[in-house]
N, C-alpha and C. Protein backbone atom coordinates (compact mmCIF):
# COMPACT_ATOMS: atom_id res chain seq x y z
N UNK A 1 -16.84 -16.45 -55.82
CA UNK A 1 -16.37 -15.51 -55.20
C UNK A 1 -17.64 -14.18 -55.91
N UNK A 2 -17.83 -13.47 -54.07
CA UNK A 2 -18.72 -12.17 -54.60
C UNK A 2 -18.08 -11.19 -54.14
N UNK A 3 -17.97 -10.38 -55.17
CA UNK A 3 -17.19 -8.58 -54.79
C UNK A 3 -18.26 -8.16 -55.75
N UNK A 4 -17.45 -6.68 -55.43
CA UNK A 4 -18.07 -5.63 -56.22
C UNK A 4 -17.07 -4.54 -56.67
N UNK A 5 -16.58 -4.06 -57.41
CA UNK A 5 -15.58 -3.92 -58.82
C UNK A 5 -16.34 -1.92 -59.33
N UNK A 6 -15.37 -1.74 -58.59
CA UNK A 6 -15.64 -0.20 -59.32
C UNK A 6 -15.42 0.48 -60.21
N UNK A 7 -15.76 0.49 -61.39
CA UNK A 7 -14.81 -0.39 -63.15
C UNK A 7 -14.39 1.80 -62.83
N UNK A 8 -14.32 2.37 -62.78
CA UNK A 8 -14.20 3.81 -62.65
C UNK A 8 -12.87 3.99 -62.01
N UNK A 9 -13.08 3.93 -60.71
CA UNK A 9 -11.64 3.53 -59.72
C UNK A 9 -10.63 2.44 -59.60
N UNK A 10 -11.07 1.15 -59.94
CA UNK A 10 -10.33 0.26 -60.18
C UNK A 10 -10.64 0.21 -58.54
N UNK A 11 -11.62 0.62 -57.51
CA UNK A 11 -11.58 -0.26 -56.26
C UNK A 11 -12.53 -1.45 -55.70
N UNK A 12 -11.40 -2.57 -55.23
CA UNK A 12 -12.66 -3.70 -55.67
C UNK A 12 -12.75 -4.19 -53.67
N UNK A 13 -14.33 -4.08 -53.87
CA UNK A 13 -14.90 -5.00 -52.32
C UNK A 13 -15.23 -6.53 -52.20
N UNK A 14 -14.12 -7.24 -51.55
CA UNK A 14 -14.41 -8.46 -51.44
C UNK A 14 -15.65 -8.90 -51.38
N UNK A 15 -16.27 -9.50 -51.41
CA UNK A 15 -17.45 -10.88 -49.94
C UNK A 15 -17.54 -11.63 -49.83
N UNK A 16 -17.45 -11.29 -48.31
CA UNK A 16 -16.76 -12.64 -47.35
C UNK A 16 -17.53 -13.58 -46.56
N UNK A 17 -18.87 -13.06 -47.47
CA UNK A 17 -20.08 -13.51 -47.12
C UNK A 17 -20.70 -13.80 -45.59
N UNK A 18 -20.33 -15.23 -44.69
CA UNK A 18 -20.73 -13.87 -42.24
C UNK A 18 -19.34 -13.69 -42.12
N UNK A 19 -18.31 -13.84 -43.17
CA UNK A 19 -16.85 -14.19 -42.97
C UNK A 19 -16.75 -12.85 -42.38
N UNK A 20 -16.69 -12.23 -42.32
CA UNK A 20 -16.55 -10.78 -41.73
C UNK A 20 -15.08 -11.18 -40.17
N UNK A 21 -14.50 -9.57 -40.30
CA UNK A 21 -13.55 -9.46 -39.31
C UNK A 21 -14.64 -9.73 -37.83
N UNK A 22 -13.93 -10.99 -36.60
CA UNK A 22 -14.39 -10.92 -35.70
C UNK A 22 -14.14 -9.54 -34.57
N UNK A 23 -15.44 -9.32 -34.18
CA UNK A 23 -15.38 -7.71 -33.50
C UNK A 23 -13.62 -7.62 -33.18
N UNK A 24 -12.74 -6.61 -32.85
CA UNK A 24 -12.06 -6.43 -31.81
C UNK A 24 -10.63 -7.74 -32.11
N UNK A 25 -10.83 -8.17 -34.19
CA UNK A 25 -9.85 -9.09 -34.38
C UNK A 25 -9.83 -8.64 -35.31
N UNK A 26 -7.83 -9.28 -35.70
CA UNK A 26 -8.01 -8.49 -37.04
C UNK A 26 -7.05 -10.12 -37.88
N UNK A 27 -7.41 -10.73 -36.74
CA UNK A 27 -7.32 -12.79 -37.73
C UNK A 27 -8.12 -12.93 -38.82
N UNK A 28 -7.46 -13.09 -39.97
CA UNK A 28 -8.51 -13.71 -40.58
C UNK A 28 -9.77 -15.33 -39.98
N UNK A 29 -10.54 -15.09 -40.91
CA UNK A 29 -10.75 -16.67 -40.71
C UNK A 29 -11.18 -17.52 -42.23
N UNK A 30 -10.65 -19.10 -41.83
CA UNK A 30 -10.18 -20.08 -42.88
C UNK A 30 -11.05 -19.85 -44.54
N UNK A 31 -12.33 -18.57 -44.29
CA UNK A 31 -13.29 -18.90 -45.10
C UNK A 31 -12.18 -17.32 -46.38
N UNK A 32 -12.49 -16.16 -45.74
CA UNK A 32 -11.47 -15.34 -45.85
C UNK A 32 -10.57 -15.32 -46.41
N UNK A 33 -8.78 -16.38 -46.21
CA UNK A 33 -7.75 -17.10 -46.73
C UNK A 33 -8.58 -17.88 -48.23
N UNK A 34 -9.31 -18.61 -47.93
CA UNK A 34 -9.52 -19.03 -49.10
C UNK A 34 -10.17 -17.80 -50.64
N UNK A 35 -10.98 -17.28 -50.30
CA UNK A 35 -11.59 -16.06 -50.91
C UNK A 35 -9.94 -15.28 -51.67
N UNK A 36 -9.28 -14.89 -50.92
CA UNK A 36 -8.37 -14.66 -51.48
C UNK A 36 -6.74 -15.32 -52.23
N UNK A 37 -7.47 -16.43 -51.77
CA UNK A 37 -6.10 -17.16 -52.50
C UNK A 37 -6.29 -17.43 -54.38
N UNK A 38 -7.91 -17.01 -53.75
CA UNK A 38 -8.55 -17.30 -55.51
C UNK A 38 -8.65 -16.69 -56.34
N UNK A 39 -8.75 -15.25 -55.16
CA UNK A 39 -9.34 -14.14 -55.90
C UNK A 39 -7.40 -13.02 -56.22
N UNK A 40 -6.85 -12.75 -55.54
CA UNK A 40 -6.14 -11.91 -55.42
C UNK A 40 -4.93 -13.10 -56.64
N UNK A 41 -4.49 -13.78 -57.06
CA UNK A 41 -3.93 -14.37 -58.34
C UNK A 41 -4.83 -14.38 -59.87
N UNK A 42 -6.18 -14.51 -59.65
CA UNK A 42 -7.67 -13.82 -61.08
C UNK A 42 -6.74 -12.48 -60.89
N UNK A 43 -7.09 -11.66 -60.11
CA UNK A 43 -7.57 -9.65 -59.92
C UNK A 43 -6.27 -10.11 -60.80
N UNK A 44 -5.21 -9.92 -60.53
CA UNK A 44 -3.36 -9.63 -60.54
C UNK A 44 -3.36 -10.03 -62.30
N UNK A 45 -3.85 -11.77 -62.56
CA UNK A 45 -3.58 -12.08 -63.81
C UNK A 45 -4.27 -11.36 -65.06
N UNK A 46 -5.30 -10.80 -64.05
CA UNK A 46 -6.35 -10.63 -65.35
C UNK A 46 -5.97 -8.86 -65.75
N UNK A 47 -5.07 -7.58 -64.43
CA UNK A 47 -4.46 -6.61 -64.80
C UNK A 47 -3.07 -6.24 -65.22
N UNK A 48 -2.74 -7.67 -64.93
CA UNK A 48 -1.15 -7.38 -65.62
C UNK A 48 -0.74 -8.31 -66.63
N UNK A 49 -1.70 -9.58 -67.15
CA UNK A 49 -1.88 -9.55 -68.86
C UNK A 49 -2.30 -8.70 -70.03
N UNK A 50 -2.66 -8.01 -69.39
CA UNK A 50 -2.77 -6.69 -70.40
C UNK A 50 -1.99 -5.10 -69.68
N UNK A 51 -0.99 -5.31 -70.88
CA UNK A 51 0.46 -3.95 -70.83
C UNK A 51 -0.53 -3.12 -70.21
N UNK A 52 -1.85 -2.18 -71.43
CA UNK A 52 -2.40 -1.56 -71.78
C UNK A 52 -2.33 -0.95 -70.12
N UNK A 53 -3.43 -2.21 -69.53
CA UNK A 53 -4.10 -1.94 -68.64
C UNK A 53 -2.66 -1.61 -67.13
N UNK A 54 -2.60 -2.75 -67.23
CA UNK A 54 -0.90 -2.60 -66.37
C UNK A 54 0.07 -1.28 -66.27
N UNK A 55 0.19 -0.80 -67.27
CA UNK A 55 1.18 0.29 -67.19
C UNK A 55 0.12 1.24 -66.75
N UNK A 56 -1.11 1.46 -66.74
CA UNK A 56 -1.49 2.74 -66.10
C UNK A 56 -1.89 2.69 -64.49
N UNK A 57 -1.63 1.40 -63.83
CA UNK A 57 -1.65 1.79 -62.42
C UNK A 57 -0.82 2.18 -61.62
N UNK A 58 -1.34 2.56 -60.64
CA UNK A 58 -0.37 4.01 -59.40
C UNK A 58 0.10 3.06 -58.84
N UNK A 59 -0.73 2.55 -57.97
CA UNK A 59 -0.91 1.43 -56.62
C UNK A 59 -1.80 1.50 -56.64
N UNK A 60 -1.39 0.39 -55.79
CA UNK A 60 -2.31 -0.37 -54.81
C UNK A 60 -2.63 -0.11 -53.53
N UNK A 61 -3.85 -0.08 -52.82
CA UNK A 61 -3.84 0.17 -52.24
C UNK A 61 -4.69 -0.76 -51.40
N UNK A 62 -4.33 -1.86 -49.68
CA UNK A 62 -5.09 -2.67 -49.55
C UNK A 62 -6.03 -1.69 -47.86
N UNK A 63 -6.90 -1.08 -47.65
CA UNK A 63 -7.68 -0.61 -46.41
C UNK A 63 -8.39 -0.82 -45.88
N UNK A 64 -8.49 -0.78 -44.79
CA UNK A 64 -8.58 -1.68 -43.67
C UNK A 64 -9.62 -0.77 -42.93
N UNK A 65 -11.28 -1.43 -42.61
CA UNK A 65 -11.65 -0.27 -41.99
C UNK A 65 -12.50 -1.17 -40.72
N UNK A 66 -12.98 -0.55 -39.82
CA UNK A 66 -13.65 -0.73 -37.97
C UNK A 66 -15.09 0.18 -38.02
N UNK A 67 -15.38 -1.25 -37.15
CA UNK A 67 -17.11 -0.34 -36.80
C UNK A 67 -16.63 0.53 -35.84
N UNK A 68 -17.97 1.81 -35.87
CA UNK A 68 -17.63 3.22 -34.87
C UNK A 68 -17.78 3.12 -32.96
N UNK A 69 -17.37 1.64 -32.98
CA UNK A 69 -17.70 1.51 -31.46
C UNK A 69 -16.56 1.00 -30.29
N UNK A 70 -16.22 1.57 -29.55
CA UNK A 70 -15.57 1.21 -28.73
C UNK A 70 -15.94 1.27 -26.47
N UNK A 71 -15.99 -0.44 -26.21
CA UNK A 71 -16.09 -0.51 -25.04
C UNK A 71 -17.56 -0.64 -24.87
N UNK A 72 -18.19 -1.07 -25.62
CA UNK A 72 -20.16 -0.47 -25.57
C UNK A 72 -20.60 -0.14 -26.31
N UNK A 73 -19.81 0.50 -26.54
CA UNK A 73 -20.90 2.15 -27.71
C UNK A 73 -20.71 2.63 -28.50
N UNK A 74 -21.14 3.15 -29.40
CA UNK A 74 -21.17 4.18 -30.29
C UNK A 74 -20.14 5.57 -30.16
N UNK A 75 -19.02 5.95 -30.87
CA UNK A 75 -18.18 6.73 -30.63
C UNK A 75 -17.51 7.47 -31.85
N UNK A 76 -18.34 9.02 -31.99
CA UNK A 76 -18.45 9.60 -33.32
C UNK A 76 -17.00 9.92 -33.69
N UNK A 77 -16.59 9.19 -35.03
CA UNK A 77 -14.77 9.35 -35.29
C UNK A 77 -14.43 10.46 -36.09
N UNK A 78 -15.63 11.82 -35.53
CA UNK A 78 -15.18 12.64 -36.22
C UNK A 78 -15.02 13.45 -34.99
N UNK A 79 -14.74 13.19 -33.83
CA UNK A 79 -14.52 13.38 -32.47
C UNK A 79 -13.45 14.21 -32.83
N UNK A 80 -13.84 15.02 -31.56
CA UNK A 80 -11.85 15.76 -31.15
C UNK A 80 -12.14 15.78 -29.88
N UNK A 81 -13.09 15.16 -29.14
CA UNK A 81 -13.49 15.16 -27.76
C UNK A 81 -11.77 14.32 -26.47
N UNK A 82 -11.27 14.55 -25.87
CA UNK A 82 -9.85 13.89 -25.28
C UNK A 82 -10.51 12.26 -25.34
N UNK A 83 -12.31 13.20 -24.22
CA UNK A 83 -12.26 11.84 -23.90
C UNK A 83 -12.18 10.83 -24.92
N UNK A 84 -12.48 10.42 -26.06
CA UNK A 84 -12.62 9.82 -27.64
C UNK A 84 -11.58 9.32 -27.95
N UNK A 85 -10.31 9.81 -28.25
CA UNK A 85 -9.17 9.99 -28.58
C UNK A 85 -8.91 8.37 -28.16
N UNK A 86 -9.14 8.01 -27.04
CA UNK A 86 -8.70 6.38 -27.62
C UNK A 86 -9.33 5.76 -28.05
N UNK A 87 -10.53 5.83 -28.25
CA UNK A 87 -11.64 4.95 -29.00
C UNK A 87 -11.59 5.25 -30.16
N UNK A 88 -10.76 6.82 -30.71
CA UNK A 88 -10.36 6.54 -32.01
C UNK A 88 -8.79 6.09 -32.52
N UNK A 89 -8.04 6.56 -31.75
CA UNK A 89 -6.67 5.13 -31.57
C UNK A 89 -7.20 3.71 -31.62
N UNK A 90 -7.38 3.28 -30.69
CA UNK A 90 -8.11 2.08 -30.91
C UNK A 90 -8.29 1.35 -32.80
N UNK A 91 -9.28 2.24 -32.72
CA UNK A 91 -9.61 1.51 -34.71
C UNK A 91 -9.45 2.25 -35.69
N UNK A 92 -8.32 2.84 -35.19
CA UNK A 92 -7.60 3.37 -36.42
C UNK A 92 -7.04 2.77 -36.02
N UNK A 93 -6.16 1.72 -35.20
CA UNK A 93 -4.92 0.63 -35.15
C UNK A 93 -5.59 -0.47 -35.59
N UNK A 94 -6.82 -0.57 -34.61
CA UNK A 94 -7.53 -2.04 -35.62
C UNK A 94 -8.16 -2.44 -37.70
N UNK A 95 -8.23 -1.35 -37.95
CA UNK A 95 -7.98 -0.46 -39.67
C UNK A 95 -7.28 -1.47 -40.20
N UNK A 96 -5.61 -0.43 -39.23
CA UNK A 96 -4.59 -1.09 -40.23
C UNK A 96 -4.03 -2.36 -39.97
N UNK A 97 -4.48 -3.02 -38.93
CA UNK A 97 -4.26 -3.86 -38.76
C UNK A 97 -5.15 -4.78 -39.42
N UNK A 98 -5.96 -5.18 -39.92
CA UNK A 98 -7.14 -6.01 -40.64
C UNK A 98 -6.16 -6.04 -41.67
N UNK A 99 -6.10 -4.64 -42.62
CA UNK A 99 -5.31 -3.96 -43.84
C UNK A 99 -4.10 -4.97 -43.87
N UNK A 100 -3.35 -4.95 -42.64
CA UNK A 100 -1.96 -5.68 -42.79
C UNK A 100 -2.39 -7.19 -42.82
N UNK A 101 -3.17 -7.68 -42.07
CA UNK A 101 -3.47 -9.43 -42.52
C UNK A 101 -3.79 -9.86 -43.10
N UNK A 102 -4.11 -8.74 -43.99
CA UNK A 102 -4.91 -9.19 -45.98
C UNK A 102 -3.34 -9.45 -46.60
N UNK A 103 -3.11 -8.34 -46.15
CA UNK A 103 -1.25 -7.87 -47.06
C UNK A 103 -0.70 -9.15 -47.03
N UNK A 104 0.03 -9.38 -45.54
CA UNK A 104 0.66 -10.36 -44.68
C UNK A 104 0.60 -11.98 -45.77
N UNK A 105 -1.19 -12.31 -45.93
CA UNK A 105 -1.80 -13.13 -46.28
C UNK A 105 -1.14 -13.38 -47.93
N UNK A 106 -1.59 -11.98 -48.11
CA UNK A 106 -1.06 -12.49 -49.68
C UNK A 106 -0.15 -12.51 -50.10
N UNK A 107 0.96 -11.87 -49.17
CA UNK A 107 2.49 -12.03 -49.86
C UNK A 107 3.26 -12.94 -49.18
N UNK A 108 2.99 -13.53 -48.03
CA UNK A 108 3.55 -14.81 -47.49
C UNK A 108 3.23 -16.03 -47.95
N UNK A 109 2.05 -16.06 -48.02
CA UNK A 109 1.17 -17.42 -48.81
C UNK A 109 0.78 -17.45 -49.71
N UNK A 110 0.79 -16.58 -50.52
CA UNK A 110 0.11 -16.15 -51.18
C UNK A 110 0.72 -17.71 -52.74
N UNK A 111 -0.67 -17.54 -53.30
CA UNK A 111 -0.89 -17.87 -55.27
C UNK A 111 -0.44 -17.43 -56.37
N UNK A 112 0.00 -16.57 -55.50
CA UNK A 112 0.74 -15.49 -57.10
C UNK A 112 1.94 -15.81 -57.62
N UNK A 113 1.78 -15.99 -58.38
CA UNK A 113 2.92 -16.10 -59.35
C UNK A 113 4.06 -14.43 -58.53
N UNK A 114 6.03 -15.42 -58.99
CA UNK A 114 6.97 -14.67 -58.39
C UNK A 114 6.88 -13.34 -59.85
N UNK A 115 5.70 -13.51 -60.84
CA UNK A 115 6.23 -12.45 -61.46
C UNK A 115 5.47 -11.43 -61.00
N UNK A 116 4.51 -11.40 -60.66
CA UNK A 116 3.15 -10.40 -60.12
C UNK A 116 3.05 -10.24 -59.29
N UNK A 117 3.29 -10.79 -57.99
CA UNK A 117 4.34 -10.81 -56.03
C UNK A 117 5.36 -9.64 -56.80
N UNK A 118 5.93 -9.70 -57.10
CA UNK A 118 7.38 -8.93 -57.88
C UNK A 118 6.96 -7.50 -58.37
N UNK A 119 5.62 -7.77 -58.97
CA UNK A 119 5.22 -6.32 -59.95
C UNK A 119 4.19 -6.18 -58.95
N UNK A 120 2.90 -6.21 -58.08
CA UNK A 120 2.57 -5.97 -57.14
C UNK A 120 3.12 -5.55 -55.70
N UNK A 121 3.71 -6.01 -55.53
CA UNK A 121 4.60 -5.63 -54.07
C UNK A 121 4.56 -4.09 -53.98
N UNK A 122 5.94 -3.50 -54.56
CA UNK A 122 6.14 -2.26 -54.59
C UNK A 122 5.35 -1.40 -55.38
N UNK A 123 4.31 -1.56 -55.86
CA UNK A 123 2.64 -1.18 -55.93
C UNK A 123 2.61 -0.88 -54.28
N UNK A 124 2.53 -1.62 -53.93
CA UNK A 124 1.33 -1.67 -52.23
C UNK A 124 1.20 -0.64 -51.27
N UNK A 125 0.40 0.03 -51.01
CA UNK A 125 0.16 0.61 -49.49
C UNK A 125 -0.83 0.26 -48.68
N UNK A 126 -1.08 -0.40 -47.61
CA UNK A 126 -1.13 -0.38 -46.58
C UNK A 126 -1.90 0.50 -45.36
N UNK A 127 -3.43 0.41 -45.63
CA UNK A 127 -4.33 1.48 -45.00
C UNK A 127 -5.01 1.23 -43.72
N UNK A 128 -5.33 2.36 -42.91
CA UNK A 128 -6.79 1.75 -41.94
C UNK A 128 -7.17 3.77 -41.96
N UNK A 129 -8.33 2.99 -42.57
CA UNK A 129 -9.02 4.13 -42.30
C UNK A 129 -10.23 4.69 -42.03
N UNK A 130 -11.22 5.86 -41.64
CA UNK A 130 -12.02 6.57 -41.07
C UNK A 130 -12.83 4.84 -40.55
N UNK A 131 -13.93 5.08 -40.13
CA UNK A 131 -14.70 3.73 -39.82
C UNK A 131 -16.26 3.63 -39.24
N UNK A 132 -16.88 5.15 -40.30
CA UNK A 132 -18.30 5.35 -40.23
C UNK A 132 -18.85 4.65 -41.55
N UNK A 133 -20.10 3.79 -41.07
CA UNK A 133 -21.02 2.80 -41.66
C UNK A 133 -20.97 3.58 -43.38
N UNK A 134 -20.60 2.94 -43.82
CA UNK A 134 -20.67 3.41 -45.97
C UNK A 134 -22.51 4.75 -45.56
N UNK A 135 -22.50 5.58 -46.85
CA UNK A 135 -24.01 6.11 -46.18
C UNK A 135 -24.21 7.36 -45.54
N UNK A 136 -23.33 6.64 -44.11
CA UNK A 136 -23.99 7.14 -43.63
C UNK A 136 -23.06 8.98 -43.13
N UNK A 137 -23.58 9.41 -42.39
CA UNK A 137 -23.28 10.71 -41.44
C UNK A 137 -22.87 10.84 -39.63
N UNK A 138 -21.80 10.99 -39.69
CA UNK A 138 -21.09 10.95 -37.95
C UNK A 138 -22.63 12.02 -37.29
N UNK A 139 -22.74 13.26 -38.01
CA UNK A 139 -24.11 14.18 -36.89
C UNK A 139 -25.47 13.29 -37.26
N UNK A 140 -25.64 12.28 -38.03
CA UNK A 140 -26.50 11.92 -38.10
C UNK A 140 -27.16 10.85 -37.03
N UNK A 141 -26.16 10.76 -36.40
CA UNK A 141 -26.05 9.63 -35.42
C UNK A 141 -25.37 9.36 -33.50
N UNK A 142 -26.96 9.94 -32.78
CA UNK A 142 -26.27 10.11 -31.68
C UNK A 142 -25.16 9.51 -31.21
N UNK A 143 -25.29 10.72 -29.87
CA UNK A 143 -23.81 10.25 -29.67
C UNK A 143 -23.82 9.50 -28.58
N UNK A 144 -22.93 8.64 -27.79
CA UNK A 144 -23.70 7.38 -27.10
C UNK A 144 -24.29 6.42 -26.75
N UNK A 145 -24.84 6.33 -27.76
CA UNK A 145 -25.73 5.22 -28.76
C UNK A 145 -24.99 4.29 -28.37
N UNK A 146 -25.37 2.78 -27.72
CA UNK A 146 -25.05 1.92 -27.58
C UNK A 146 -24.85 0.64 -28.59
N UNK A 147 -23.44 -0.20 -28.43
CA UNK A 147 -23.12 -1.18 -29.42
C UNK A 147 -24.17 -1.68 -30.26
N UNK A 148 -24.53 -2.62 -29.24
CA UNK A 148 -26.12 -3.56 -29.18
C UNK A 148 -26.64 -2.85 -30.65
N UNK A 149 -27.35 -1.40 -30.34
CA UNK A 149 -29.03 -1.01 -31.12
C UNK A 149 -27.83 0.27 -32.13
N UNK A 150 -25.71 0.19 -31.94
CA UNK A 150 -25.84 0.75 -33.06
C UNK A 150 -25.07 -0.80 -34.13
N UNK A 151 -24.44 -1.86 -33.69
CA UNK A 151 -24.55 -2.44 -34.51
C UNK A 151 -25.95 -2.95 -35.45
N UNK A 152 -27.19 -2.69 -34.27
CA UNK A 152 -28.05 -3.27 -34.82
C UNK A 152 -28.59 -2.84 -36.83
N UNK A 153 -28.57 -1.67 -35.91
CA UNK A 153 -29.16 -0.70 -36.55
C UNK A 153 -28.38 -0.50 -38.24
N UNK A 154 -27.21 -0.28 -37.95
CA UNK A 154 -25.69 -0.11 -39.24
C UNK A 154 -24.81 -1.59 -39.34
N UNK A 155 -25.54 -2.54 -39.49
CA UNK A 155 -24.40 -3.95 -39.42
C UNK A 155 -22.81 -3.48 -39.20
N UNK A 156 -22.36 -3.55 -38.26
CA UNK A 156 -21.08 -3.74 -37.79
C UNK A 156 -20.83 -4.74 -38.51
N UNK A 157 -20.57 -5.50 -38.64
CA UNK A 157 -20.22 -6.41 -39.49
C UNK A 157 -19.51 -6.37 -40.45
N UNK A 158 -20.26 -5.56 -41.36
CA UNK A 158 -20.32 -5.46 -42.11
C UNK A 158 -19.14 -4.02 -43.17
N UNK A 159 -18.89 -3.31 -40.88
CA UNK A 159 -18.16 -2.69 -41.41
C UNK A 159 -16.39 -2.88 -41.40
N UNK A 160 -16.23 -4.18 -40.72
CA UNK A 160 -15.06 -4.76 -40.39
C UNK A 160 -15.24 -5.49 -41.31
N UNK A 161 -14.69 -5.18 -42.60
CA UNK A 161 -13.95 -4.97 -44.20
C UNK A 161 -12.57 -4.55 -44.34
N UNK A 162 -12.26 -5.22 -45.73
CA UNK A 162 -11.04 -4.47 -46.04
C UNK A 162 -11.38 -4.47 -47.47
N UNK A 163 -11.06 -2.97 -48.27
CA UNK A 163 -11.02 -3.11 -49.94
C UNK A 163 -10.03 -3.39 -50.28
N UNK A 164 -9.64 -3.84 -51.06
CA UNK A 164 -8.49 -3.40 -52.09
C UNK A 164 -8.51 -2.51 -53.50
N UNK A 165 -7.47 -1.39 -53.53
CA UNK A 165 -8.03 -0.49 -54.74
C UNK A 165 -6.88 -0.52 -55.38
N UNK A 166 -7.18 -1.01 -56.74
CA UNK A 166 -6.04 -0.35 -57.88
C UNK A 166 -6.26 0.95 -58.13
N UNK A 167 -5.64 1.59 -58.02
CA UNK A 167 -5.22 3.78 -58.63
C UNK A 167 -4.73 3.74 -59.17
N UNK A 168 -5.15 4.11 -60.93
CA UNK A 168 -4.64 4.57 -62.40
C UNK A 168 -3.90 6.10 -61.43
N UNK A 169 -2.47 6.37 -62.85
CA UNK A 169 -2.21 6.99 -62.51
C UNK A 169 -2.56 8.10 -63.43
N UNK A 170 -1.77 9.09 -62.99
CA UNK A 170 -2.97 10.82 -63.46
C UNK A 170 -2.98 10.62 -64.63
């Protein structure tokens, strides 16, 4: 089970290997389910078994992302042009749907203990976020780039991800 934990922020990015969400889909693949079933209980136990750490957690965000493509082309997610509104709406709904799929899986079929579920559930926030590839600036990507070129250059599958973020209290 691979993942990246940002120690300063508590942000966890799970590595689903080649099993990211399919383009346009919110459905979890079998390998994604397996990884979640292993990871979430372990991580919850490690957090909640340390009272000092558990008392510092303010919320847990499940954040979904989508690639910046729509109907075969790249669309700048910062665009305010009316013709781009459908793309922005579509990708934000897709981002939220992916996060919600993770949430539903964790709490519907979870191997979490009842105690961990009860502690975790009130802290959960399910969020869909912007969808630029990590480390890129919208101004650096030409408008109207084809989906194939954009995805080849910026690895769309890696943008079709979900981050689980443990936010600490101030």
